C-alpha atoms as a PDB file:
ATOM      1  CA  MET A   1     102.666 152.612 175.192  1.00  0.00           C
ATOM      2  CA  ALA A   2     100.952 153.082 171.824  1.00  0.00           C
ATOM      3  CA  HIS A   3     103.955 155.083 170.622  1.00  0.00           C
ATOM      4  CA  ALA A   4     106.282 152.237 171.641  1.00  0.00           C
ATOM      5  CA  ARG A   5     104.132 149.696 169.768  1.00  0.00           C
ATOM      6  CA  HIS A   6     104.147 151.942 166.684  1.00  0.00           C
ATOM      7  CA  ARG A   7     107.924 152.268 166.836  1.00  0.00           C
ATOM      8  CA  SER A   8     108.352 148.505 167.264  1.00  0.00           C
ATOM      9  CA  ALA A   9     106.123 147.828 164.250  1.00  0.00           C
ATOM     10  CA  GLY A  10     108.130 150.318 162.211  1.00  0.00           C
ATOM     11  CA  GLU A  11     111.446 148.710 163.185  1.00  0.00           C
ATOM     12  CA  ARG A  12     110.064 145.278 162.324  1.00  0.00           C
ATOM     13  CA  ALA A  13     108.821 146.421 158.918  1.00  0.00           C
ATOM     14  CA  ASN A  14     112.205 147.999 158.191  1.00  0.00           C
ATOM     15  CA  LEU A  15     113.966 144.759 159.121  1.00  0.00           C
ATOM     16  CA  TYR A  16     111.682 142.758 156.818  1.00  0.00           C
ATOM     17  CA  LYS A  17     112.416 145.247 154.029  1.00  0.00           C
ATOM     18  CA  GLN A  18     116.193 145.046 154.469  1.00  0.00           C
ATOM     19  CA  ILE A  19     116.214 141.252 154.366  1.00  0.00           C
ATOM     20  CA  THR A  20     113.821 141.100 151.418  1.00  0.00           C
ATOM     21  CA  ASN A  21     115.770 143.689 149.413  1.00  0.00           C
ATOM     22  CA  ARG A  22     118.976 141.722 149.901  1.00  0.00           C
ATOM     23  CA  VAL A  23     117.370 138.507 148.629  1.00  0.00           C
ATOM     24  CA  ILE A  24     115.804 140.323 145.646  1.00  0.00           C
ATOM     25  CA  ALA A  25     119.194 141.800 144.701  1.00  0.00           C
ATOM     26  CA  GLU A  26     120.741 138.320 144.693  1.00  0.00           C
ATOM     27  CA  LEU A  27     117.939 136.815 142.596  1.00  0.00           C
ATOM     28  CA  GLU A  28     118.014 139.735 140.127  1.00  0.00           C
ATOM     29  CA  ALA A  29     121.749 139.160 139.721  1.00  0.00           C
ATOM     30  CA  GLY A  30     121.002 135.553 138.757  1.00  0.00           C
ATOM     31  CA  ARG A  31     122.272 134.122 142.039  1.00  0.00           C
ATOM     32  CA  VAL A  32     120.220 131.871 144.288  1.00  0.00           C
ATOM     33  CA  PRO A  33     121.249 132.904 147.815  1.00  0.00           C
ATOM     34  CA  TRP A  34     120.502 129.558 149.446  1.00  0.00           C
ATOM     35  CA  VAL A  35     123.019 127.757 147.219  1.00  0.00           C
ATOM     36  CA  GLN A  36     125.575 130.578 147.065  1.00  0.00           C
ATOM     37  CA  PRO A  37     127.990 129.104 149.674  1.00  0.00           C
ATOM     38  CA  TRP A  38     128.844 126.239 147.344  1.00  0.00           C
ATOM     39  CA  GLY A  39     130.816 128.720 145.216  1.00  0.00           C
ATOM     40  CA  SER A  40     132.937 129.847 148.146  1.00  0.00           C
ATOM     41  CA  PRO A  41     136.613 128.935 147.776  1.00  0.00           C
ATOM     42  CA  ARG A  42     137.142 128.713 151.561  1.00  0.00           C
ATOM     43  CA  ALA A  43     133.991 127.471 153.256  1.00  0.00           C
ATOM     44  CA  CYS A  44     133.317 123.787 153.591  1.00  0.00           C
ATOM     45  CA  ILE A  45     129.736 122.600 153.271  1.00  0.00           C
ATOM     46  CA  GLY A  46     127.589 122.932 156.365  1.00  0.00           C
ATOM     47  CA  MET A  47     125.000 124.827 158.352  1.00  0.00           C
ATOM     48  CA  PRO A  48     125.767 127.960 160.410  1.00  0.00           C
ATOM     49  CA  TYR A  49     125.691 127.339 164.157  1.00  0.00           C
ATOM     50  CA  ASN A  50     126.449 129.000 167.481  1.00  0.00           C
ATOM     51  CA  ALA A  51     130.003 128.141 168.514  1.00  0.00           C
ATOM     52  CA  VAL A  52     129.121 128.016 172.227  1.00  0.00           C
ATOM     53  CA  SER A  53     125.788 126.181 172.299  1.00  0.00           C
ATOM     54  CA  GLU A  54     126.474 124.272 169.023  1.00  0.00           C
ATOM     55  CA  ARG A  55     122.831 124.895 168.106  1.00  0.00           C
ATOM     56  CA  ARG A  56     122.143 125.491 164.417  1.00  0.00           C
ATOM     57  CA  TYR A  57     120.635 128.791 163.369  1.00  0.00           C
ATOM     58  CA  SER A  58     117.337 128.456 161.533  1.00  0.00           C
ATOM     59  CA  GLY A  59     114.975 130.194 159.146  1.00  0.00           C
ATOM     60  CA  ILE A  60     116.135 133.390 157.479  1.00  0.00           C
ATOM     61  CA  ASN A  61     119.232 133.401 159.711  1.00  0.00           C
ATOM     62  CA  ILE A  62     120.664 130.523 157.649  1.00  0.00           C
ATOM     63  CA  LEU A  63     120.519 132.640 154.483  1.00  0.00           C
ATOM     64  CA  THR A  64     121.882 135.718 156.264  1.00  0.00           C
ATOM     65  CA  LEU A  65     124.890 133.863 157.681  1.00  0.00           C
ATOM     66  CA  TRP A  66     125.563 131.956 154.459  1.00  0.00           C
ATOM     67  CA  ASP A  67     125.668 135.325 152.697  1.00  0.00           C
ATOM     68  CA  ALA A  68     128.211 136.563 155.248  1.00  0.00           C
ATOM     69  CA  ILE A  69     130.327 133.408 154.862  1.00  0.00           C
ATOM     70  CA  VAL A  70     130.574 133.897 151.108  1.00  0.00           C
ATOM     71  CA  SER A  71     130.823 137.687 150.902  1.00  0.00           C
ATOM     72  CA  ARG A  72     133.446 137.928 153.655  1.00  0.00           C
ATOM     73  CA  GLY A  73     135.360 134.777 152.818  1.00  0.00           C
ATOM     74  CA  PHE A  74     134.911 132.929 156.110  1.00  0.00           C
ATOM     75  CA  ALA A  75     136.012 129.289 156.241  1.00  0.00           C
ATOM     76  CA  SER A  76     133.984 128.422 159.331  1.00  0.00           C
ATOM     77  CA  HIS A  77     130.235 128.188 159.888  1.00  0.00           C
ATOM     78  CA  ALA A  78     130.640 128.996 163.613  1.00  0.00           C
ATOM     79  CA  PHE A  79     129.347 132.290 165.037  1.00  0.00           C
ATOM     80  CA  LEU A  80     128.995 133.782 168.491  1.00  0.00           C
ATOM     81  CA  THR A  81     128.028 137.037 170.194  1.00  0.00           C
ATOM     82  CA  PHE A  82     130.374 139.716 171.518  1.00  0.00           C
ATOM     83  CA  ARG A  83     129.729 138.687 175.121  1.00  0.00           C
ATOM     84  CA  GLN A  84     130.121 135.001 174.373  1.00  0.00           C
ATOM     85  CA  ALA A  85     133.589 135.711 172.956  1.00  0.00           C
ATOM     86  CA  LEU A  86     134.512 137.563 176.173  1.00  0.00           C
ATOM     87  CA  ALA A  87     133.137 134.741 178.339  1.00  0.00           C
ATOM     88  CA  LEU A  88     135.459 132.315 176.535  1.00  0.00           C
ATOM     89  CA  GLY A  89     138.475 134.484 177.323  1.00  0.00           C
ATOM     90  CA  GLY A  90     138.677 135.952 173.830  1.00  0.00           C
ATOM     91  CA  HIS A  91     137.417 139.079 172.133  1.00  0.00           C
ATOM     92  CA  VAL A  92     136.170 140.448 168.825  1.00  0.00           C
ATOM     93  CA  ARG A  93     138.899 142.304 166.957  1.00  0.00           C
ATOM     94  CA  ARG A  94     138.502 146.069 166.789  1.00  0.00           C
ATOM     95  CA  GLY A  95     136.870 147.323 163.626  1.00  0.00           C
ATOM     96  CA  GLU A  96     135.085 144.033 162.854  1.00  0.00           C
ATOM     97  CA  ARG A  97     131.492 144.330 161.606  1.00  0.00           C
ATOM     98  CA  GLY A  98     128.930 141.963 163.058  1.00  0.00           C
ATOM     99  CA  ILE A  99     126.105 140.210 161.238  1.00  0.00           C
ATOM    100  CA  GLY A 100     122.514 140.833 162.271  1.00  0.00           C
ATOM    101  CA  VAL A 101     120.363 137.802 163.009  1.00  0.00           C
ATOM    102  CA  ILE A 102     116.811 137.712 164.305  1.00  0.00           C
ATOM    103  CA  TYR A 103     114.537 135.762 166.602  1.00  0.00           C
ATOM    104  CA  THR A 104     110.947 136.086 167.725  1.00  0.00           C
ATOM    105  CA  ARG A 105     109.761 136.487 171.274  1.00  0.00           C
ATOM    106  CA  ARG A 106     106.252 136.568 172.667  1.00  0.00           C
ATOM    107  CA  PHE A 107     104.925 139.269 174.958  1.00  0.00           C
ATOM    108  CA  ILE A 108     101.986 138.581 177.278  1.00  0.00           C
ATOM    109  CA  PRO A 109     100.356 141.811 178.540  1.00  0.00           C
ATOM    110  CA  LYS A 110      99.932 142.239 182.286  1.00  0.00           C
ATOM    111  CA  GLU A 111      96.151 142.414 181.881  1.00  0.00           C
ATOM    112  CA  GLU A 112      96.091 139.004 180.172  1.00  0.00           C
ATOM    113  CA  ARG A 113      98.202 137.485 182.935  1.00  0.00           C
ATOM    114  CA  HIS A 114      95.760 138.862 185.537  1.00  0.00           C
ATOM    115  CA  ARG A 115      92.654 137.622 183.690  1.00  0.00           C
ATOM    116  CA  ALA A 116      94.150 134.162 183.239  1.00  0.00           C
ATOM    117  CA  ASP A 117      94.970 134.022 186.951  1.00  0.00           C
ATOM    118  CA  VAL A 118      91.448 135.129 187.967  1.00  0.00           C
ATOM    119  CA  GLU A 119      89.756 132.741 185.521  1.00  0.00           C
ATOM    120  CA  GLY A 120      92.051 129.868 186.406  1.00  0.00           C
ATOM    121  CA  ARG A 121      93.069 129.184 182.819  1.00  0.00           C
ATOM    122  CA  GLU A 122      96.319 128.905 180.918  1.00  0.00           C
ATOM    123  CA  LEU A 123      97.934 132.009 179.472  1.00  0.00           C
ATOM    124  CA  SER A 124      97.451 132.790 175.786  1.00  0.00           C
ATOM    125  CA  SER A 125     100.401 132.411 173.430  1.00  0.00           C
ATOM    126  CA  GLY A 126     100.936 136.158 173.582  1.00  0.00           C
ATOM    127  CA  ILE A 127     101.948 138.673 170.940  1.00  0.00           C
ATOM    128  CA  ALA A 128     104.896 137.736 168.737  1.00  0.00           C
ATOM    129  CA  PHE A 129     107.493 140.426 168.099  1.00  0.00           C
ATOM    130  CA  LEU A 130     110.764 140.412 166.216  1.00  0.00           C
ATOM    131  CA  LYS A 131     114.145 141.125 167.814  1.00  0.00           C
ATOM    132  CA  SER A 132     117.576 141.342 166.266  1.00  0.00           C
ATOM    133  CA  PHE A 133     121.039 140.894 167.684  1.00  0.00           C
ATOM    134  CA  THR A 134     124.568 140.749 166.355  1.00  0.00           C
ATOM    135  CA  VAL A 135     126.898 137.790 165.929  1.00  0.00           C
ATOM    136  CA  PHE A 136     130.466 137.471 164.699  1.00  0.00           C
ATOM    137  CA  SER A 137     132.335 134.707 162.943  1.00  0.00           C
ATOM    138  CA  VAL A 138     134.902 132.986 165.121  1.00  0.00           C
ATOM    139  CA  GLU A 139     137.385 134.174 162.486  1.00  0.00           C
ATOM    140  CA  GLN A 140     136.677 137.763 163.534  1.00  0.00           C
ATOM    141  CA  CYS A 141     137.818 136.975 167.062  1.00  0.00           C
ATOM    142  CA  GLU A 142     141.128 136.505 168.878  1.00  0.00           C
ATOM    143  CA  ASP A 143     142.251 134.392 171.848  1.00  0.00           C
ATOM    144  CA  LEU A 144     139.337 131.951 171.635  1.00  0.00           C
ATOM    145  CA  PRO A 145     139.941 128.335 172.728  1.00  0.00           C
ATOM    146  CA  VAL A 146     141.392 126.226 169.930  1.00  0.00           C
ATOM    147  CA  HIS A 147     138.423 123.841 169.790  1.00  0.00           C
ATOM    148  CA  ILE A 148     136.097 126.798 169.126  1.00  0.00           C
ATOM    149  CA  CYS A 149     138.164 128.150 166.232  1.00  0.00           C
ATOM    150  CA  GLU A 150     138.704 124.951 164.261  1.00  0.00           C
ATOM    151  CA  PRO A 151     136.292 124.716 161.293  1.00  0.00           C
ATOM    152  CA  PRO A 152     134.654 121.319 160.820  1.00  0.00           C
ATOM    153  CA  PRO A 153     136.558 119.196 158.301  1.00  0.00           C
ATOM    154  CA  PRO A 154     134.996 118.550 154.891  1.00  0.00           C
ATOM    155  CA  ILE A 155     132.949 115.362 154.720  1.00  0.00           C
ATOM    156  CA  PRO A 156     135.135 112.645 153.135  1.00  0.00           C
ATOM    157  CA  GLU A 157     134.325 111.831 149.564  1.00  0.00           C
ATOM    158  CA  GLY A 158     132.214 108.715 149.208  1.00  0.00           C
ATOM    159  CA  LEU A 159     130.266 109.130 152.445  1.00  0.00           C
ATOM    160  CA  ILE A 160     127.660 111.564 151.171  1.00  0.00           C
ATOM    161  CA  SER A 161     125.385 109.244 149.229  1.00  0.00           C
ATOM    162  CA  PRO A 162     125.165 106.659 152.036  1.00  0.00           C
ATOM    163  CA  GLN A 163     124.105 109.408 154.452  1.00  0.00           C
ATOM    164  CA  ALA A 164     121.374 110.567 152.110  1.00  0.00           C
ATOM    165  CA  GLU A 165     120.125 107.039 151.513  1.00  0.00           C
ATOM    166  CA  ALA A 166     120.092 106.295 155.234  1.00  0.00           C
ATOM    167  CA  LEU A 167     118.119 109.461 155.983  1.00  0.00           C
ATOM    168  CA  ILE A 168     115.565 108.796 153.245  1.00  0.00           C
ATOM    169  CA  GLU A 169     115.048 105.255 154.514  1.00  0.00           C
ATOM    170  CA  ALA A 170     114.771 106.468 158.113  1.00  0.00           C
ATOM    171  CA  THR A 171     111.929 108.876 157.275  1.00  0.00           C
ATOM    172  CA  GLY A 172     109.691 105.940 156.362  1.00  0.00           C
ATOM    173  CA  ALA A 173     108.388 107.937 153.402  1.00  0.00           C
ATOM    174  CA  ASP A 174     106.953 106.092 150.415  1.00  0.00           C
ATOM    175  CA  PHE A 175     109.931 107.053 148.245  1.00  0.00           C
ATOM    176  CA  ARG A 176     109.988 105.665 144.702  1.00  0.00           C
ATOM    177  CA  ILE A 177     112.921 105.871 142.298  1.00  0.00           C
ATOM    178  CA  GLY A 178     112.233 105.792 138.571  1.00  0.00           C
ATOM    179  CA  GLY A 179     110.128 107.427 135.921  1.00  0.00           C
ATOM    180  CA  PRO A 180     110.768 110.587 133.909  1.00  0.00           C
ATOM    181  CA  SER A 181     109.841 113.235 136.489  1.00  0.00           C
ATOM    182  CA  ALA A 182     110.157 114.184 140.146  1.00  0.00           C
ATOM    183  CA  PHE A 183     107.067 114.988 142.217  1.00  0.00           C
ATOM    184  CA  TYR A 184     105.216 114.519 145.506  1.00  0.00           C
ATOM    185  CA  SER A 185     101.625 113.270 145.389  1.00  0.00           C
ATOM    186  CA  PRO A 186      99.679 114.767 148.337  1.00  0.00           C
ATOM    187  CA  ARG A 187      96.651 112.600 147.615  1.00  0.00           C
ATOM    188  CA  GLN A 188      98.571 109.299 147.597  1.00  0.00           C
ATOM    189  CA  ASP A 189     101.340 110.562 149.902  1.00  0.00           C
ATOM    190  CA  TYR A 190     104.377 109.344 148.021  1.00  0.00           C
ATOM    191  CA  VAL A 191     107.508 110.840 146.454  1.00  0.00           C
ATOM    192  CA  GLN A 192     108.861 109.862 143.064  1.00  0.00           C
ATOM    193  CA  VAL A 193     112.299 110.857 141.751  1.00  0.00           C
ATOM    194  CA  PRO A 194     114.069 109.673 138.569  1.00  0.00           C
ATOM    195  CA  ARG A 195     117.113 107.423 138.797  1.00  0.00           C
ATOM    196  CA  PRO A 196     120.341 109.227 139.761  1.00  0.00           C
ATOM    197  CA  ASP A 197     121.988 108.162 136.504  1.00  0.00           C
ATOM    198  CA  ASP A 198     119.218 109.987 134.612  1.00  0.00           C
ATOM    199  CA  PHE A 199     120.644 113.297 135.872  1.00  0.00           C
ATOM    200  CA  HIS A 200     123.318 115.108 133.871  1.00  0.00           C
ATOM    201  CA  ASP A 201     125.150 115.657 137.166  1.00  0.00           C
ATOM    202  CA  PRO A 202     124.161 112.827 139.563  1.00  0.00           C
ATOM    203  CA  VAL A 203     124.863 114.919 142.671  1.00  0.00           C
ATOM    204  CA  ASN A 204     121.759 116.923 141.831  1.00  0.00           C
ATOM    205  CA  TRP A 205     119.644 113.837 142.426  1.00  0.00           C
ATOM    206  CA  HIS A 206     120.102 114.533 146.145  1.00  0.00           C
ATOM    207  CA  ARG A 207     118.861 118.099 145.852  1.00  0.00           C
ATOM    208  CA  THR A 208     115.820 116.928 143.898  1.00  0.00           C
ATOM    209  CA  ALA A 209     115.133 114.095 146.343  1.00  0.00           C
ATOM    210  CA  PHE A 210     115.167 116.403 149.357  1.00  0.00           C
ATOM    211  CA  HIS A 211     113.172 119.044 147.489  1.00  0.00           C
ATOM    212  CA  GLU A 212     110.398 116.491 147.031  1.00  0.00           C
ATOM    213  CA  LEU A 213     110.796 115.251 150.595  1.00  0.00           C
ATOM    214  CA  GLY A 214     110.375 118.902 151.619  1.00  0.00           C
ATOM    215  CA  HIS A 215     106.894 118.711 150.055  1.00  0.00           C
ATOM    216  CA  TRP A 216     106.336 115.350 151.786  1.00  0.00           C
ATOM    217  CA  ALA A 217     107.285 116.849 155.178  1.00  0.00           C
ATOM    218  CA  GLY A 218     104.594 119.474 154.622  1.00  0.00           C
ATOM    219  CA  GLY A 219     101.916 116.807 154.117  1.00  0.00           C
ATOM    220  CA  SER A 220      98.656 116.929 156.080  1.00  0.00           C
ATOM    221  CA  SER A 221      99.716 114.216 158.542  1.00  0.00           C
ATOM    222  CA  ARG A 222     103.033 115.931 159.254  1.00  0.00           C
ATOM    223  CA  LEU A 223     103.642 119.714 159.153  1.00  0.00           C
ATOM    224  CA  ASN A 224     100.308 120.319 157.412  1.00  0.00           C
ATOM    225  CA  ARG A 225     101.252 123.143 155.043  1.00  0.00           C
ATOM    226  CA  ASP A 226      98.781 124.433 152.464  1.00  0.00           C
ATOM    227  CA  GLN A 227      99.567 122.427 149.318  1.00  0.00           C
ATOM    228  CA  THR A 228      96.324 123.094 147.473  1.00  0.00           C
ATOM    229  CA  GLY A 229      97.672 125.746 145.075  1.00  0.00           C
ATOM    230  CA  ALA A 230      97.199 125.042 141.376  1.00  0.00           C
ATOM    231  CA  PHE A 231     100.218 125.033 139.082  1.00  0.00           C
ATOM    232  CA  GLY A 232     101.220 128.620 138.270  1.00  0.00           C
ATOM    233  CA  SER A 233      99.352 130.150 141.221  1.00  0.00           C
ATOM    234  CA  VAL A 234     100.946 132.256 143.972  1.00  0.00           C
ATOM    235  CA  ALA A 235     100.230 129.521 146.514  1.00  0.00           C
ATOM    236  CA  TYR A 236     101.955 126.965 144.282  1.00  0.00           C
ATOM    237  CA  GLY A 237     104.986 129.237 143.889  1.00  0.00           C
ATOM    238  CA  LYS A 238     105.243 129.730 147.660  1.00  0.00           C
ATOM    239  CA  GLU A 239     105.175 125.981 148.285  1.00  0.00           C
ATOM    240  CA  GLU A 240     107.848 125.446 145.616  1.00  0.00           C
ATOM    241  CA  LEU A 241     110.026 128.075 147.288  1.00  0.00           C
ATOM    242  CA  VAL A 242     109.660 126.315 150.650  1.00  0.00           C
ATOM    243  CA  ALA A 243     110.581 122.945 149.095  1.00  0.00           C
ATOM    244  CA  GLU A 244     113.573 124.454 147.274  1.00  0.00           C
ATOM    245  CA  LEU A 245     114.896 125.978 150.500  1.00  0.00           C
ATOM    246  CA  THR A 246     114.271 122.712 152.346  1.00  0.00           C
ATOM    247  CA  GLY A 247     116.354 120.813 149.794  1.00  0.00           C
ATOM    248  CA  ALA A 248     119.172 123.331 150.138  1.00  0.00           C
ATOM    249  CA  PHE A 249     119.108 123.183 153.953  1.00  0.00           C
ATOM    250  CA  VAL A 250     119.101 119.370 154.111  1.00  0.00           C
ATOM    251  CA  CYS A 251     121.875 119.062 151.515  1.00  0.00           C
ATOM    252  CA  ALA A 252     123.982 121.519 153.522  1.00  0.00           C
ATOM    253  CA  ALA A 253     123.417 119.605 156.743  1.00  0.00           C
ATOM    254  CA  LEU A 254     124.483 116.360 155.041  1.00  0.00           C
ATOM    255  CA  GLY A 255     127.475 117.935 153.294  1.00  0.00           C
ATOM    256  CA  ILE A 256     126.079 117.429 149.794  1.00  0.00           C
ATOM    257  CA  THR A 257     127.155 119.950 147.155  1.00  0.00           C
ATOM    258  CA  PRO A 258     124.621 120.310 144.344  1.00  0.00           C
ATOM    259  CA  THR A 259     125.183 122.731 141.502  1.00  0.00           C
ATOM    260  CA  VAL A 260     123.168 125.935 141.258  1.00  0.00           C
ATOM    261  CA  ARG A 261     119.576 125.227 140.325  1.00  0.00           C
ATOM    262  CA  HIS A 262     118.426 126.376 136.910  1.00  0.00           C
ATOM    263  CA  ALA A 263     116.172 129.424 136.904  1.00  0.00           C
ATOM    264  CA  ASP A 264     112.886 127.621 136.242  1.00  0.00           C
ATOM    265  CA  TYR A 265     111.100 129.286 139.148  1.00  0.00           C
ATOM    266  CA  LEU A 266     113.180 132.485 139.508  1.00  0.00           C
ATOM    267  CA  GLY A 267     110.513 134.673 137.920  1.00  0.00           C
ATOM    268  CA  SER A 268     107.695 133.455 140.156  1.00  0.00           C
ATOM    269  CA  TRP A 269     109.883 133.659 143.276  1.00  0.00           C
ATOM    270  CA  LEU A 270     110.834 137.253 142.520  1.00  0.00           C
ATOM    271  CA  GLU A 271     107.200 138.183 141.971  1.00  0.00           C
ATOM    272  CA  ILE A 272     106.180 136.614 145.295  1.00  0.00           C
ATOM    273  CA  ILE A 273     109.011 138.254 147.239  1.00  0.00           C
ATOM    274  CA  ARG A 274     108.496 141.686 145.697  1.00  0.00           C
ATOM    275  CA  GLU A 275     104.788 141.697 146.514  1.00  0.00           C
ATOM    276  CA  ASP A 276     105.231 140.648 150.159  1.00  0.00           C
ATOM    277  CA  ASN A 277     108.322 141.663 152.106  1.00  0.00           C
ATOM    278  CA  ARG A 278     107.651 138.907 154.631  1.00  0.00           C
ATOM    279  CA  ALA A 279     107.340 136.128 152.057  1.00  0.00           C
ATOM    280  CA  ILE A 280     111.012 135.082 152.150  1.00  0.00           C
ATOM    281  CA  LEU A 281     111.002 135.055 155.968  1.00  0.00           C
ATOM    282  CA  ARG A 282     107.894 132.867 156.042  1.00  0.00           C
ATOM    283  CA  ALA A 283     109.319 130.543 153.389  1.00  0.00           C
ATOM    284  CA  ALA A 284     112.682 130.228 155.143  1.00  0.00           C
ATOM    285  CA  SER A 285     110.993 129.557 158.472  1.00  0.00           C
ATOM    286  CA  ALA A 286     108.721 126.884 156.979  1.00  0.00           C
ATOM    287  CA  ALA A 287     111.669 125.316 155.154  1.00  0.00           C
ATOM    288  CA  SER A 288     113.759 125.287 158.300  1.00  0.00           C
ATOM    289  CA  LYS A 289     110.973 123.435 160.129  1.00  0.00           C
ATOM    290  CA  ALA A 290     110.706 120.953 157.254  1.00  0.00           C
ATOM    291  CA  ALA A 291     114.477 120.403 157.161  1.00  0.00           C
ATOM    292  CA  ASP A 292     114.578 119.904 160.927  1.00  0.00           C
ATOM    293  CA  TYR A 293     111.675 117.466 160.644  1.00  0.00           C
ATOM    294  CA  LEU A 294     113.569 115.402 158.068  1.00  0.00           C
ATOM    295  CA  LEU A 295     116.971 115.609 159.763  1.00  0.00           C
ATOM    296  CA  ALA A 296     115.461 114.540 163.091  1.00  0.00           C
ATOM    297  CA  PHE A 297     115.163 111.031 161.621  1.00  0.00           C
ATOM    298  CA  ARG A 298     118.949 110.693 161.740  1.00  0.00           C
ATOM    299  CA  PRO A 299     120.132 108.682 164.748  1.00  0.00           C
ATOM    300  CA  ASP A 300     122.718 111.380 165.502  1.00  0.00           C
ATOM    301  CA  ALA A 301     120.377 114.304 164.743  1.00  0.00           C
ATOM    302  CA  ALA A 302     121.677 117.598 166.114  1.00  0.00           C
ATOM    303  CA  VAL A 303     119.301 119.970 167.888  1.00  0.00           C
ATOM    304  CA  ALA A 304     118.499 122.956 165.701  1.00  0.00           C
ATOM    305  CA  ALA A 305     117.947 126.449 166.993  1.00  0.00           C
ATOM    306  CA  ASN A 306     114.352 127.620 166.757  1.00  0.00           C
ATOM    307  CA  ASP A 307     113.426 131.106 165.632  1.00  0.00           C
ATOM    308  CA  ASP A 308     111.321 131.403 168.762  1.00  0.00           C
ATOM    309  CA  ASP A 309     114.278 130.641 171.044  1.00  0.00           C
ATOM    310  CA  PRO A 310     116.252 133.692 172.152  1.00  0.00           C
ATOM    311  CA  ASP A 311     120.017 133.720 171.875  1.00  0.00           C
ATOM    312  CA  PRO A 312     121.840 133.408 175.211  1.00  0.00           C
ATOM    313  CA  ASP A 313     122.983 136.998 174.714  1.00  0.00           C
ATOM    314  CA  PRO A 314     120.180 138.877 172.921  1.00  0.00           C
ATOM    315  CA  ASP A 315     121.121 142.340 174.175  1.00  0.00           C
ATOM    316  CA  CYS A 316     124.527 142.681 172.611  1.00  0.00           C
ATOM    317  CA  GLY A 317     123.246 144.618 169.609  1.00  0.00           C
ATOM    318  CA  MET A 318     120.200 145.705 167.643  1.00  0.00           C
ATOM    319  CA  ALA A 319     121.775 147.048 164.445  1.00  0.00           C
ATOM    320  CA  LEU A 320     122.003 144.813 161.398  1.00  0.00           C
ATOM    321  CA  GLU A 321     125.612 145.852 160.912  1.00  0.00           C
ATOM    322  CA  ARG A 322     127.532 146.902 164.049  1.00  0.00           C
ATOM    323  CA  ARG A 323     131.092 148.144 163.957  1.00  0.00           C
ATOM    324  CA  ILE A 324     133.142 147.787 167.127  1.00  0.00           C
ATOM    325  CA  ALA A 325     134.470 151.204 168.035  1.00  0.00           C
ATOM    326  CA  ALA A 326     138.104 151.606 167.183  1.00  0.00           C
END
């Protein structure tokens, strides 16, 4: 049993390392992986989701699948497992490589179950452990139903800003427009963002607005993240990374296409990620929760996948890159 736990810990550490190394390589190349899809000539703007359940992937899986969309030239954000493709009457083409995504499960030892039963109390939350499985783009499959294969159409021009405004209003946040700088005040619990026409490229107003609302979502009366870090500290850099990812996730969900963010925090992000190979996973998970919190204010809010929810078909693969045997 101890050997199995040791092996599981080793596999988990290796998975953290692979994901972290990929993000570091992108940042060192001057690319910000959570805005990379906007440079794709084929993909429309959107969030990756499971083609069968229509649930959005979350956390680090968003970055992993965005990377696959760009690097492999996919036009769709829809993915599914090998068995899901078969269940729909289709199949994954021979030779196609899958993309590894992860989720967490919780294991409750038999002894804990017995003690809880004897003592008449609720079970503990258990021990969290990481699992990986493999998904494929619908474009890597054949004979799927037509409605599964069709990529969502681009959001019509002119509808983006109204969506953003409606979402901001729906949050009920104290959101103030004006002034020379953008910030969130934890003490007074309000967001301030300059006027859109003060931006060189007004579309970036949306990214900045949702970045600051990402901080707001983490406020003590909401998601209660640690926002006590002083400017320039590691804690401050981690919170900025969470807010930056939150802004990217919300913009993607609304179909807003900001330009690549300037490298004002690249150095501090790289330092944080290099020192802790779980930092990017924690940041992406926190940002996904913040984005879901904000997007839930939409009347037509879609249900997002949770990292703690297993895929309907978790056993179809453990490798990060699986090649179907020819």
